């Protein structure tokens, strides 16, 4: 799944956000479709799905896709380790202000 950089999701409910995040991780980090361990509740870092370089890519993707800025404290929140938690945290962020 490749989204153009200028395409953003302004509003997405938690399930939509979960799917968007999961699809990005599956494609970008080459998670095989038959990987039964991959789920919305698996720790992405402990299980090796996303590494330290990958988290930078994921942050950029989330901020662009959802038109938000992720504050530093969100990045250290325990929920930021799994898809369901990331989607919840993304949903709590206000949209970035648009410039006129």
N, C-alpha and C. Protein backbone atom coordinates (compact mmCIF):
# COMPACT_ATOMS: atom_id res chain seq x y z
N UNK A 1 0.85 -1.17 0.00
CA UNK A 1 0.00 0.00 0.00
C UNK A 1 0.88 1.22 0.00
N UNK A 2 0.82 2.00 -1.01
CA UNK A 2 1.62 3.21 -1.09
C UNK A 2 0.68 4.38 -1.25
N UNK A 3 0.76 5.32 -0.31
CA UNK A 3 -0.09 6.49 -0.36
C UNK A 3 0.73 7.67 -0.84
N UNK A 4 0.19 8.47 -1.74
CA UNK A 4 0.91 9.67 -2.14
C UNK A 4 1.15 10.55 -0.93
N UNK A 5 2.27 11.26 -0.92
CA UNK A 5 2.65 12.08 0.23
C UNK A 5 1.63 13.16 0.53
N UNK A 6 0.92 13.65 -0.49
CA UNK A 6 -0.03 14.73 -0.26
C UNK A 6 -1.41 14.24 0.13
N UNK A 7 -1.61 12.94 0.16
CA UNK A 7 -2.91 12.39 0.54
C UNK A 7 -2.92 12.20 2.05
N UNK A 8 -3.90 12.78 2.72
CA UNK A 8 -3.97 12.61 4.17
C UNK A 8 -5.37 12.17 4.55
N UNK A 9 -5.42 11.48 5.64
CA UNK A 9 -6.69 11.03 6.19
C UNK A 9 -7.04 12.02 7.29
N UNK A 10 -8.02 12.84 7.04
CA UNK A 10 -8.38 13.89 7.99
C UNK A 10 -9.09 13.31 9.21
N UNK A 11 -10.02 12.41 8.97
CA UNK A 11 -10.73 11.78 10.07
C UNK A 11 -10.80 10.29 9.79
N UNK A 12 -10.49 9.55 10.80
CA UNK A 12 -10.57 8.09 10.66
C UNK A 12 -10.93 7.53 12.02
N UNK A 13 -11.88 6.63 12.03
CA UNK A 13 -12.18 6.03 13.32
C UNK A 13 -11.06 5.04 13.66
N UNK A 14 -11.09 4.51 14.85
CA UNK A 14 -10.00 3.67 15.34
C UNK A 14 -9.76 2.46 14.44
N UNK A 15 -10.83 1.81 13.98
CA UNK A 15 -10.65 0.63 13.12
C UNK A 15 -10.02 1.00 11.79
N UNK A 16 -10.45 2.13 11.21
CA UNK A 16 -9.83 2.59 9.97
C UNK A 16 -8.35 2.88 10.19
N UNK A 17 -8.05 3.56 11.28
CA UNK A 17 -6.66 3.90 11.58
C UNK A 17 -5.84 2.62 11.79
N UNK A 18 -6.40 1.66 12.48
CA UNK A 18 -5.70 0.38 12.68
C UNK A 18 -5.38 -0.28 11.35
N UNK A 19 -6.35 -0.30 10.46
CA UNK A 19 -6.13 -0.93 9.15
C UNK A 19 -5.06 -0.18 8.36
N UNK A 20 -5.11 1.13 8.38
CA UNK A 20 -4.13 1.94 7.65
C UNK A 20 -2.73 1.68 8.19
N UNK A 21 -2.58 1.67 9.51
CA UNK A 21 -1.27 1.42 10.13
C UNK A 21 -0.81 0.00 9.84
N UNK A 22 -1.69 -0.98 9.99
CA UNK A 22 -1.32 -2.38 9.74
C UNK A 22 -0.91 -2.58 8.28
N UNK A 23 -1.66 -1.99 7.35
CA UNK A 23 -1.32 -2.14 5.93
C UNK A 23 0.03 -1.52 5.64
N UNK A 24 0.31 -0.35 6.21
CA UNK A 24 1.60 0.30 6.01
C UNK A 24 2.73 -0.60 6.52
N UNK A 25 2.58 -1.14 7.71
CA UNK A 25 3.62 -1.98 8.29
C UNK A 25 3.81 -3.24 7.47
N UNK A 26 2.72 -3.87 7.07
CA UNK A 26 2.83 -5.10 6.25
C UNK A 26 3.61 -4.84 4.97
N UNK A 27 3.29 -3.75 4.29
CA UNK A 27 3.95 -3.47 3.01
C UNK A 27 5.37 -2.96 3.21
N UNK A 28 5.53 -1.94 4.03
CA UNK A 28 6.84 -1.29 4.19
C UNK A 28 7.87 -2.20 4.82
N UNK A 29 7.45 -3.01 5.77
CA UNK A 29 8.40 -3.86 6.49
C UNK A 29 8.29 -5.32 6.09
N UNK A 30 7.62 -5.55 4.96
CA UNK A 30 7.55 -6.86 4.31
C UNK A 30 7.09 -7.99 5.23
N UNK A 31 5.95 -7.75 5.87
CA UNK A 31 5.36 -8.79 6.71
C UNK A 31 4.56 -9.71 5.79
N UNK A 32 4.92 -10.97 5.82
CA UNK A 32 4.26 -11.94 4.94
C UNK A 32 2.79 -12.13 5.31
N UNK A 33 1.92 -12.27 4.33
CA UNK A 33 0.50 -12.47 4.61
C UNK A 33 0.23 -13.71 5.46
N UNK A 34 1.07 -14.72 5.34
CA UNK A 34 0.86 -15.96 6.11
C UNK A 34 1.46 -15.89 7.52
N UNK A 35 1.99 -14.73 7.91
CA UNK A 35 2.55 -14.56 9.26
C UNK A 35 1.41 -14.46 10.26
N UNK A 36 1.09 -15.57 10.91
CA UNK A 36 -0.02 -15.63 11.85
C UNK A 36 0.27 -14.91 13.17
N UNK A 37 1.53 -14.64 13.44
CA UNK A 37 1.90 -13.96 14.69
C UNK A 37 1.62 -12.45 14.63
N UNK A 38 1.66 -11.90 13.42
CA UNK A 38 1.43 -10.47 13.24
C UNK A 38 -0.03 -10.16 13.54
N UNK A 39 -0.25 -9.22 14.47
CA UNK A 39 -1.61 -8.84 14.82
C UNK A 39 -1.62 -7.39 15.28
N UNK A 40 -2.79 -6.88 15.55
CA UNK A 40 -2.93 -5.49 16.00
C UNK A 40 -2.49 -5.31 17.45
N UNK A 41 -2.20 -6.42 18.14
CA UNK A 41 -1.82 -6.35 19.55
C UNK A 41 -0.40 -6.85 19.82
N UNK A 42 0.35 -7.19 18.78
CA UNK A 42 1.71 -7.68 18.98
C UNK A 42 2.65 -6.48 19.16
N UNK A 43 3.66 -6.64 20.02
CA UNK A 43 4.65 -5.59 20.22
C UNK A 43 5.54 -5.56 18.97
N UNK A 44 5.43 -4.48 18.22
CA UNK A 44 6.11 -4.37 16.93
C UNK A 44 7.63 -4.35 17.06
N UNK A 45 8.13 -3.81 18.16
CA UNK A 45 9.57 -3.70 18.34
C UNK A 45 10.14 -4.98 18.93
N UNK A 46 9.54 -5.50 19.98
CA UNK A 46 10.04 -6.72 20.61
C UNK A 46 10.01 -7.90 19.65
N UNK A 47 9.02 -7.94 18.77
CA UNK A 47 8.89 -9.06 17.84
C UNK A 47 9.64 -8.83 16.53
N UNK A 48 10.30 -7.68 16.39
CA UNK A 48 11.15 -7.44 15.24
C UNK A 48 10.46 -6.99 13.97
N UNK A 49 9.20 -6.57 14.05
CA UNK A 49 8.51 -6.11 12.85
C UNK A 49 8.99 -4.72 12.43
N UNK A 50 9.32 -3.88 13.41
CA UNK A 50 9.79 -2.53 13.13
C UNK A 50 11.07 -2.31 13.94
N UNK A 51 12.11 -1.78 13.28
CA UNK A 51 13.36 -1.49 14.00
C UNK A 51 13.47 0.01 14.24
N UNK A 52 14.58 0.45 14.80
CA UNK A 52 14.73 1.86 15.17
C UNK A 52 14.68 2.78 13.95
N UNK A 53 15.21 2.37 12.83
CA UNK A 53 15.11 3.18 11.61
C UNK A 53 13.67 3.18 11.10
N UNK A 54 13.01 2.06 11.24
CA UNK A 54 11.63 1.94 10.77
C UNK A 54 10.67 2.81 11.54
N UNK A 55 10.95 3.04 12.83
CA UNK A 55 10.05 3.87 13.62
C UNK A 55 10.07 5.31 13.09
N UNK A 56 11.21 5.76 12.59
CA UNK A 56 11.29 7.10 12.01
C UNK A 56 10.41 7.18 10.76
N UNK A 57 10.47 6.16 9.95
CA UNK A 57 9.61 6.10 8.76
C UNK A 57 8.14 6.07 9.15
N UNK A 58 7.84 5.30 10.19
CA UNK A 58 6.45 5.18 10.62
C UNK A 58 5.92 6.51 11.17
N UNK A 59 6.74 7.22 11.92
CA UNK A 59 6.32 8.52 12.44
C UNK A 59 6.01 9.47 11.30
N UNK A 60 6.89 9.52 10.31
CA UNK A 60 6.66 10.39 9.14
C UNK A 60 5.37 9.99 8.43
N UNK A 61 5.16 8.69 8.26
CA UNK A 61 3.94 8.21 7.62
C UNK A 61 2.70 8.63 8.40
N UNK A 62 2.72 8.42 9.71
CA UNK A 62 1.56 8.75 10.54
C UNK A 62 1.26 10.25 10.49
N UNK A 63 2.29 11.06 10.61
CA UNK A 63 2.08 12.51 10.62
C UNK A 63 1.54 13.01 9.29
N UNK A 64 2.04 12.46 8.20
CA UNK A 64 1.57 12.86 6.87
C UNK A 64 0.17 12.33 6.59
N UNK A 65 -0.03 11.06 6.85
CA UNK A 65 -1.29 10.41 6.53
C UNK A 65 -2.46 10.97 7.33
N UNK A 66 -2.22 11.20 8.62
CA UNK A 66 -3.30 11.65 9.50
C UNK A 66 -3.29 13.15 9.76
N UNK A 67 -2.36 13.87 9.11
CA UNK A 67 -2.27 15.33 9.24
C UNK A 67 -2.15 15.76 10.70
N UNK A 68 -1.20 15.13 11.40
CA UNK A 68 -0.99 15.41 12.82
C UNK A 68 0.50 15.62 13.07
N UNK A 69 0.80 16.09 14.26
CA UNK A 69 2.18 16.12 14.75
C UNK A 69 2.19 15.29 16.02
N UNK A 70 3.05 14.30 16.06
CA UNK A 70 3.13 13.43 17.23
C UNK A 70 4.09 14.04 18.25
N UNK A 71 3.57 14.42 19.41
CA UNK A 71 4.46 14.95 20.44
C UNK A 71 5.38 13.86 20.98
N UNK A 72 6.51 14.27 21.50
CA UNK A 72 7.52 13.32 21.97
C UNK A 72 6.97 12.34 23.01
N UNK A 73 6.11 12.81 23.89
CA UNK A 73 5.60 11.91 24.94
C UNK A 73 4.78 10.75 24.36
N UNK A 74 4.15 10.96 23.22
CA UNK A 74 3.39 9.88 22.57
C UNK A 74 4.35 8.78 22.12
N UNK A 75 5.52 9.17 21.65
CA UNK A 75 6.47 8.19 21.13
C UNK A 75 7.00 7.26 22.23
N UNK A 76 6.92 7.71 23.48
CA UNK A 76 7.38 6.89 24.60
C UNK A 76 6.23 6.24 25.36
N UNK A 77 5.02 6.44 24.89
CA UNK A 77 3.85 5.82 25.51
C UNK A 77 3.88 4.32 25.22
N UNK A 78 3.62 3.48 26.21
CA UNK A 78 3.62 2.02 25.97
C UNK A 78 2.66 1.60 24.85
N UNK A 79 1.59 2.36 24.63
CA UNK A 79 0.66 2.03 23.55
C UNK A 79 1.28 2.20 22.17
N UNK A 80 2.38 2.93 22.07
CA UNK A 80 3.00 3.17 20.76
C UNK A 80 3.80 1.96 20.28
N UNK A 81 3.68 0.84 20.97
CA UNK A 81 4.41 -0.36 20.57
C UNK A 81 3.56 -1.35 19.76
N UNK A 82 2.27 -1.11 19.69
CA UNK A 82 1.41 -2.03 18.94
C UNK A 82 0.37 -1.25 18.13
N UNK A 83 -0.14 -1.87 17.09
CA UNK A 83 -1.01 -1.20 16.12
C UNK A 83 -2.25 -0.61 16.76
N UNK A 84 -2.94 -1.36 17.58
CA UNK A 84 -4.18 -0.85 18.20
C UNK A 84 -3.88 0.39 19.04
N UNK A 85 -2.77 0.37 19.78
CA UNK A 85 -2.38 1.50 20.60
C UNK A 85 -1.96 2.70 19.77
N UNK A 86 -1.22 2.45 18.70
CA UNK A 86 -0.80 3.54 17.81
C UNK A 86 -2.03 4.22 17.22
N UNK A 87 -3.00 3.44 16.78
CA UNK A 87 -4.23 4.00 16.21
C UNK A 87 -4.96 4.85 17.25
N UNK A 88 -5.00 4.38 18.50
CA UNK A 88 -5.66 5.14 19.56
C UNK A 88 -4.93 6.46 19.80
N UNK A 89 -3.61 6.41 19.88
CA UNK A 89 -2.82 7.61 20.12
C UNK A 89 -2.95 8.61 18.96
N UNK A 90 -2.97 8.09 17.75
CA UNK A 90 -3.15 8.96 16.57
C UNK A 90 -4.50 9.67 16.66
N UNK A 91 -5.53 8.93 17.06
CA UNK A 91 -6.87 9.50 17.16
C UNK A 91 -6.99 10.59 18.22
N UNK A 92 -6.09 10.61 19.19
CA UNK A 92 -6.13 11.61 20.25
C UNK A 92 -5.46 12.92 19.86
N UNK A 93 -4.71 12.91 18.75
CA UNK A 93 -3.96 14.09 18.35
C UNK A 93 -4.83 15.03 17.53
N UNK A 94 -4.75 16.33 17.81
CA UNK A 94 -5.51 17.29 17.00
C UNK A 94 -4.88 17.42 15.62
N UNK A 95 -5.70 17.72 14.62
CA UNK A 95 -5.11 17.92 13.28
C UNK A 95 -4.21 19.15 13.29
N UNK A 96 -3.19 19.11 12.42
CA UNK A 96 -2.32 20.26 12.28
C UNK A 96 -3.11 21.43 11.73
N UNK A 97 -2.76 22.59 12.16
CA UNK A 97 -3.40 23.80 11.63
C UNK A 97 -2.99 23.97 10.18
N UNK A 98 -3.94 24.37 9.37
CA UNK A 98 -3.66 24.62 7.98
C UNK A 98 -3.29 26.09 7.81
N UNK A 99 -2.38 26.36 6.93
CA UNK A 99 -1.98 27.74 6.68
C UNK A 99 -2.85 28.30 5.57
N UNK A 100 -3.30 29.53 5.76
CA UNK A 100 -4.20 30.12 4.74
C UNK A 100 -3.50 30.43 3.45
